[in-house]
Every structure is written in C-alpha cells, then in structure tokens.
C-alpha cells in the first residue's frame, strides 16, 4: 500500500508480482490481516473499498505481511474463510471483472448450494 491504495484482490496480485510468482497469499490470510491493521489504526478502508496507510501506518512501514496462519477446521473457521474469499471475489469484481467473468456460473452454483444449507 506504500505504492498507493489497493483493495484486497489488488494486494494479493501485488504480493504475487513482488515474489515473482513464488507466493500468492490466500484471501484467508490477507483480509483478516487488513481487518487487524484497520483496528490497530495502521490502514483505513476508503469508500471505494481500497485500503490506504494512515500516518501511524506510514511510521511503521516495516510491517510484515505475515504468512498464512493455520487454523483449526471448525465450522466457524471455515465460515470465516468463506467470508474472506467472498471479500476477495467482490474486490476482484470491482477491480478486474474480466478475470471473474468466466467463473460466474460456478459462483452461482456454490451460492445456490449454500442457500439450500441456510434454509435447511
């Protein structure tokens, strides 16, 4: 974000570029980190969904992005991961909808299955 405000999907893409394809962080590692950084006052989420460094964040510019943490497979952790992935897809739809377009049918099928579970 030192190179300008980015949403979660853009941050994931940037990390992958910076690592020359060696590491692509998962939405499950990026979005919780962004939430934590927001709560700590290091970044703020703008109206357009992009995050930018606050003054406090700029002073602590050496923050590590952090490796994905392992979580126990509980229903709650799985739901949180689904929430993080949904946030990623929403950001991707805003910033690069062409990349998401070929997968709309699969998204609809998953949404229908989840809707059936919610209404069961």
Protein backbone atom coordinates (compact mmCIF):
# COMPACT_ATOMS: atom_id res chain seq x y z
CA UNK A 1 0.00 0.00 0.00
CA UNK A 2 3.05 2.22 0.04
CA UNK A 3 2.52 2.30 -3.75
CA UNK A 4 -0.98 3.66 -3.38
CA UNK A 5 -4.33 2.46 -2.09
CA UNK A 6 -5.32 -1.08 -3.05
CA UNK A 7 -8.17 -3.43 -2.32
CA UNK A 8 -7.56 -6.95 -1.06
CA UNK A 9 -7.53 -8.54 -4.51
CA UNK A 10 -5.03 -5.96 -5.76
CA UNK A 11 -2.83 -6.55 -2.70
CA UNK A 12 -2.84 -10.30 -3.37
CA UNK A 13 -1.87 -9.69 -7.01
CA UNK A 14 0.86 -7.24 -5.98
CA UNK A 15 2.40 -9.69 -3.48
CA UNK A 16 2.41 -12.38 -6.17
CA UNK A 17 4.14 -9.97 -8.58
CA UNK A 18 6.68 -8.87 -5.98
CA UNK A 19 7.55 -12.52 -5.25
CA UNK A 20 7.85 -13.26 -8.98
CA UNK A 21 5.02 -15.77 -8.66
CA UNK A 22 6.64 -17.52 -5.71
CA UNK A 23 3.88 -16.70 -3.26
CA UNK A 24 0.26 -15.80 -3.71
CA UNK A 25 -1.31 -15.13 -0.31
CA UNK A 26 -4.78 -16.50 0.23
CA UNK A 27 -7.77 -14.27 0.93
CA UNK A 28 -7.92 -16.07 4.28
CA UNK A 29 -4.59 -14.55 5.23
CA UNK A 30 -4.96 -11.10 3.65
CA UNK A 31 -8.43 -9.99 4.74
CA UNK A 32 -8.03 -10.85 8.44
CA UNK A 33 -4.69 -9.02 8.38
CA UNK A 34 -6.32 -5.96 6.79
CA UNK A 35 -9.06 -6.06 9.46
CA UNK A 36 -6.45 -6.29 12.20
CA UNK A 37 -4.41 -3.47 10.70
CA UNK A 38 -7.57 -1.34 10.48
CA UNK A 39 -8.34 -1.97 14.14
CA UNK A 40 -4.77 -1.03 15.05
CA UNK A 41 -5.07 2.22 13.08
CA UNK A 42 -2.38 1.29 10.54
CA UNK A 43 -4.67 1.36 7.50
CA UNK A 44 -8.08 2.74 6.71
CA UNK A 45 -10.60 1.43 4.22
CA UNK A 46 -11.80 4.05 1.78
CA UNK A 47 -15.29 4.29 0.31
CA UNK A 48 -14.06 2.66 -2.91
CA UNK A 49 -13.01 -0.45 -0.93
CA UNK A 50 -9.30 0.27 -1.17
CA UNK A 51 -7.05 0.40 1.88
CA UNK A 52 -4.53 3.13 2.46
CA UNK A 53 -1.86 3.62 5.09
CA UNK A 54 -2.63 6.01 7.92
CA UNK A 55 0.04 8.29 9.37
CA UNK A 56 0.64 5.66 12.06
CA UNK A 57 0.98 3.03 9.33
CA UNK A 58 3.47 5.15 7.42
CA UNK A 59 5.59 5.46 10.58
CA UNK A 60 5.56 1.68 10.92
CA UNK A 61 6.15 0.99 7.23
CA UNK A 62 8.25 -2.06 8.00
CA UNK A 63 5.17 -4.13 8.97
CA UNK A 64 5.42 -7.74 7.82
CA UNK A 65 2.66 -9.03 5.61
CA UNK A 66 2.74 -12.24 7.57
CA UNK A 67 2.47 -15.81 6.46
CA UNK A 68 -0.88 -17.54 6.49
CA UNK A 69 -1.71 -18.90 9.89
CA UNK A 70 -3.00 -22.38 10.36
CA UNK A 71 -6.47 -22.60 11.81
CA UNK A 72 -8.33 -25.49 13.23
CA UNK A 73 -11.06 -26.71 10.92
CA UNK A 74 -14.11 -25.66 12.85
CA UNK A 75 -17.37 -24.58 11.30
CA UNK A 76 -16.60 -21.05 12.48
CA UNK A 77 -13.13 -21.01 10.89
CA UNK A 78 -14.50 -22.43 7.63
CA UNK A 79 -17.22 -19.76 7.57
CA UNK A 80 -14.61 -17.06 8.22
CA UNK A 81 -12.52 -18.37 5.34
CA UNK A 82 -15.61 -18.32 3.11
CA UNK A 83 -16.23 -14.71 4.18
CA UNK A 84 -12.62 -13.81 3.31
CA UNK A 85 -12.88 -15.50 -0.08
CA UNK A 86 -16.15 -13.69 -0.76
CA UNK A 87 -14.46 -10.37 0.05
CA UNK A 88 -11.70 -11.27 -2.40
CA UNK A 89 -14.21 -12.08 -5.16
CA UNK A 90 -16.09 -8.82 -4.50
CA UNK A 91 -12.85 -6.83 -4.77
CA UNK A 92 -11.87 -8.72 -7.90
CA UNK A 93 -15.28 -7.95 -9.42
CA UNK A 94 -14.71 -4.23 -8.73
CA UNK A 95 -11.12 -4.07 -9.95
CA UNK A 96 -10.89 -6.74 -12.67
CA UNK A 97 -14.32 -8.18 -13.50
CA UNK A 98 -12.95 -9.77 -16.70
CA UNK A 99 -10.95 -12.18 -14.55
CA UNK A 100 -14.09 -13.19 -12.64
CA UNK A 101 -16.50 -13.41 -15.59
CA UNK A 102 -15.67 -16.98 -16.72
CA UNK A 103 -16.46 -18.25 -13.22
CA UNK A 104 -19.89 -16.69 -12.69
CA UNK A 105 -21.70 -19.99 -13.26
CA UNK A 106 -19.60 -21.78 -10.64
CA UNK A 107 -20.21 -18.92 -8.19
CA UNK A 108 -23.96 -19.20 -8.79
CA UNK A 109 -23.88 -22.97 -8.22
CA UNK A 110 -21.99 -22.56 -4.94
CA UNK A 111 -24.34 -19.77 -3.86
CA UNK A 112 -27.35 -21.99 -4.58
CA UNK A 113 -25.88 -24.84 -2.54
CA UNK A 114 -25.15 -22.51 0.36
CA UNK A 115 -28.65 -21.08 0.14
CA UNK A 116 -30.07 -24.61 0.42
CA UNK A 117 -27.94 -25.21 3.52
CA UNK A 118 -29.05 -21.93 5.09
CA UNK A 119 -32.70 -22.79 4.52
CA UNK A 120 -32.48 -26.45 5.60
